[in-house]
Amino acid sequence: MSQLKNNKQYTAANWSKHEDDFTQMFYNQNVKQFWLPEEIALNGDLLTWKYLGKNEQDTYMKVLAGLTLLDTEQGNTGMPIVAEHVDGHQRKAVLNFM
């Protein structure tokens, strides 16, 4: 723990210490859902995209934009509110990274 000038004590998550199975389950799920384009071949998707009609491409882009917006809103607004109501630094961190 460290103290600042206002004598308020601050603590941080200790990722070397396993706190609970709940947090570990959500952490593991987050890691599974995280991917990098370098790790996944997208060539097949590009070929499929070329065979879609203009209306299908437009619909796909709008749906993807909507889902991205929902993820953004959840990350910016929803999860921080949920995290306010849970204890433990690891739990809060995992919820905020969802």
C-alpha atoms as a PDB file:
ATOM      1  CA  MET A   1       0.000   0.000   0.000  1.00  0.00           C
ATOM      2  CA  SER A   2       1.090   3.521  -0.607  1.00  0.00           C
ATOM      3  CA  GLN A   3      -0.034   6.818   0.815  1.00  0.00           C
ATOM      4  CA  LEU A   4      -0.388  10.163  -0.869  1.00  0.00           C
ATOM      5  CA  LYS A   5      -0.331  13.591   0.745  1.00  0.00           C
ATOM      6  CA  ASN A   6      -3.995  13.326   1.709  1.00  0.00           C
ATOM      7  CA  ASN A   7      -3.138  10.213   3.782  1.00  0.00           C
ATOM      8  CA  LYS A   8      -5.603   8.130   1.778  1.00  0.00           C
ATOM      9  CA  GLN A   9      -4.390   4.578   1.296  1.00  0.00           C
ATOM     10  CA  TYR A  10      -4.508   3.018  -2.158  1.00  0.00           C
ATOM     11  CA  THR A  11      -4.188  -0.631  -3.050  1.00  0.00           C
ATOM     12  CA  ALA A  12      -3.843  -2.412  -6.368  1.00  0.00           C
ATOM     13  CA  ALA A  13      -4.673  -5.816  -7.810  1.00  0.00           C
ATOM     14  CA  ASN A  14      -2.071  -8.471  -7.130  1.00  0.00           C
ATOM     15  CA  TRP A  15      -2.190 -10.564 -10.300  1.00  0.00           C
ATOM     16  CA  SER A  16       0.296 -13.039  -8.810  1.00  0.00           C
ATOM     17  CA  LYS A  17      -2.285 -14.046  -6.195  1.00  0.00           C
ATOM     18  CA  HIS A  18      -5.364 -16.068  -7.182  1.00  0.00           C
ATOM     19  CA  GLU A  19      -8.362 -14.353  -5.546  1.00  0.00           C
ATOM     20  CA  ASP A  20     -11.299 -16.513  -6.601  1.00  0.00           C
ATOM     21  CA  ASP A  21     -12.629 -18.842  -9.301  1.00  0.00           C
ATOM     22  CA  PHE A  22     -15.256 -16.311 -10.448  1.00  0.00           C
ATOM     23  CA  THR A  23     -12.653 -13.751 -11.436  1.00  0.00           C
ATOM     24  CA  GLN A  24     -10.417 -16.390 -13.004  1.00  0.00           C
ATOM     25  CA  MET A  25     -13.314 -17.709 -15.115  1.00  0.00           C
ATOM     26  CA  PHE A  26     -14.086 -14.236 -16.527  1.00  0.00           C
ATOM     27  CA  TYR A  27     -10.386 -13.507 -17.057  1.00  0.00           C
ATOM     28  CA  ASN A  28      -9.916 -16.753 -18.985  1.00  0.00           C
ATOM     29  CA  GLN A  29     -13.000 -16.036 -21.112  1.00  0.00           C
ATOM     30  CA  ASN A  30     -11.711 -12.549 -21.930  1.00  0.00           C
ATOM     31  CA  VAL A  31      -8.358 -13.966 -23.018  1.00  0.00           C
ATOM     32  CA  LYS A  32     -10.078 -16.557 -25.245  1.00  0.00           C
ATOM     33  CA  GLN A  33     -12.099 -13.842 -26.981  1.00  0.00           C
ATOM     34  CA  PHE A  34      -9.106 -11.604 -27.634  1.00  0.00           C
ATOM     35  CA  TRP A  35      -7.525 -12.116 -31.028  1.00  0.00           C
ATOM     36  CA  LEU A  36      -5.073 -10.364 -33.278  1.00  0.00           C
ATOM     37  CA  PRO A  37      -5.381 -10.233 -37.071  1.00  0.00           C
ATOM     38  CA  GLU A  38      -1.839 -11.633 -37.308  1.00  0.00           C
ATOM     39  CA  GLU A  39      -3.027 -14.797 -35.549  1.00  0.00           C
ATOM     40  CA  ILE A  40      -6.105 -15.469 -37.690  1.00  0.00           C
ATOM     41  CA  ALA A  41      -6.122 -15.788 -41.466  1.00  0.00           C
ATOM     42  CA  LEU A  42      -8.750 -13.448 -42.881  1.00  0.00           C
ATOM     43  CA  ASN A  43      -8.189 -14.344 -46.543  1.00  0.00           C
ATOM     44  CA  GLY A  44     -11.267 -16.575 -46.590  1.00  0.00           C
ATOM     45  CA  ASP A  45     -13.389 -13.724 -45.274  1.00  0.00           C
ATOM     46  CA  LEU A  46     -12.150 -11.431 -48.023  1.00  0.00           C
ATOM     47  CA  LEU A  47     -13.081 -13.977 -50.688  1.00  0.00           C
ATOM     48  CA  THR A  48     -16.554 -14.370 -49.176  1.00  0.00           C
ATOM     49  CA  TRP A  49     -16.933 -10.580 -49.008  1.00  0.00           C
ATOM     50  CA  LYS A  50     -16.254 -10.271 -52.741  1.00  0.00           C
ATOM     51  CA  TYR A  51     -19.127 -12.655 -53.510  1.00  0.00           C
ATOM     52  CA  LEU A  52     -21.665 -10.732 -51.438  1.00  0.00           C
ATOM     53  CA  GLY A  53     -24.009  -8.367 -53.232  1.00  0.00           C
ATOM     54  CA  LYS A  54     -23.876  -4.623 -52.518  1.00  0.00           C
ATOM     55  CA  ASN A  55     -27.011  -4.813 -50.337  1.00  0.00           C
ATOM     56  CA  GLU A  56     -25.540  -7.703 -48.341  1.00  0.00           C
ATOM     57  CA  GLN A  57     -22.252  -5.853 -47.859  1.00  0.00           C
ATOM     58  CA  ASP A  58     -24.126  -2.724 -46.765  1.00  0.00           C
ATOM     59  CA  THR A  59     -26.253  -4.699 -44.298  1.00  0.00           C
ATOM     60  CA  TYR A  60     -23.188  -6.489 -42.927  1.00  0.00           C
ATOM     61  CA  MET A  61     -21.340  -3.201 -42.397  1.00  0.00           C
ATOM     62  CA  LYS A  62     -24.333  -1.669 -40.601  1.00  0.00           C
ATOM     63  CA  VAL A  63     -24.778  -4.696 -38.331  1.00  0.00           C
ATOM     64  CA  LEU A  64     -21.059  -4.745 -37.522  1.00  0.00           C
ATOM     65  CA  ALA A  65     -21.126  -1.005 -36.797  1.00  0.00           C
ATOM     66  CA  GLY A  66     -24.116  -1.488 -34.488  1.00  0.00           C
ATOM     67  CA  LEU A  67     -22.455  -4.332 -32.596  1.00  0.00           C
ATOM     68  CA  THR A  68     -19.264  -2.299 -32.286  1.00  0.00           C
ATOM     69  CA  LEU A  69     -21.294   0.615 -30.912  1.00  0.00           C
ATOM     70  CA  LEU A  70     -22.939  -1.660 -28.342  1.00  0.00           C
ATOM     71  CA  ASP A  71     -19.536  -3.029 -27.269  1.00  0.00           C
ATOM     72  CA  THR A  72     -18.201   0.513 -26.972  1.00  0.00           C
ATOM     73  CA  GLU A  73     -21.153   1.695 -24.899  1.00  0.00           C
ATOM     74  CA  GLN A  74     -20.934  -1.372 -22.677  1.00  0.00           C
ATOM     75  CA  GLY A  75     -17.234  -0.760 -22.116  1.00  0.00           C
ATOM     76  CA  ASN A  76     -17.549   2.978 -21.563  1.00  0.00           C
ATOM     77  CA  THR A  77     -20.760   3.089 -19.571  1.00  0.00           C
ATOM     78  CA  GLY A  78     -22.158  -0.271 -18.528  1.00  0.00           C
ATOM     79  CA  MET A  79     -19.223  -2.209 -17.125  1.00  0.00           C
ATOM     80  CA  PRO A  80     -17.823   0.630 -14.978  1.00  0.00           C
ATOM     81  CA  ILE A  81     -21.244   0.894 -13.313  1.00  0.00           C
ATOM     82  CA  VAL A  82     -21.305  -2.867 -12.711  1.00  0.00           C
ATOM     83  CA  ALA A  83     -17.726  -2.715 -11.373  1.00  0.00           C
ATOM     84  CA  GLU A  84     -18.777  -0.131  -8.771  1.00  0.00           C
ATOM     85  CA  HIS A  85     -20.904  -2.815  -7.127  1.00  0.00           C
ATOM     86  CA  VAL A  86     -18.314  -5.583  -6.813  1.00  0.00           C
ATOM     87  CA  ASP A  87     -15.447  -5.975  -4.392  1.00  0.00           C
ATOM     88  CA  GLY A  88     -11.867  -6.797  -5.236  1.00  0.00           C
ATOM     89  CA  HIS A  89      -9.430  -5.131  -7.600  1.00  0.00           C
ATOM     90  CA  GLN A  90      -9.115  -8.175  -9.845  1.00  0.00           C
ATOM     91  CA  ARG A  91     -12.885  -8.462 -10.279  1.00  0.00           C
ATOM     92  CA  LYS A  92     -13.200  -4.776 -11.067  1.00  0.00           C
ATOM     93  CA  ALA A  93     -10.344  -4.933 -13.565  1.00  0.00           C
ATOM     94  CA  VAL A  94     -11.717  -7.992 -15.350  1.00  0.00           C
ATOM     95  CA  LEU A  95     -15.172  -6.438 -15.636  1.00  0.00           C
ATOM     96  CA  ASN A  96     -13.710  -3.218 -17.012  1.00  0.00           C
ATOM     97  CA  PHE A  97     -11.744  -5.133 -19.650  1.00  0.00           C
ATOM     98  CA  MET A  98     -14.830  -6.956 -20.956  1.00  0.00           C
END
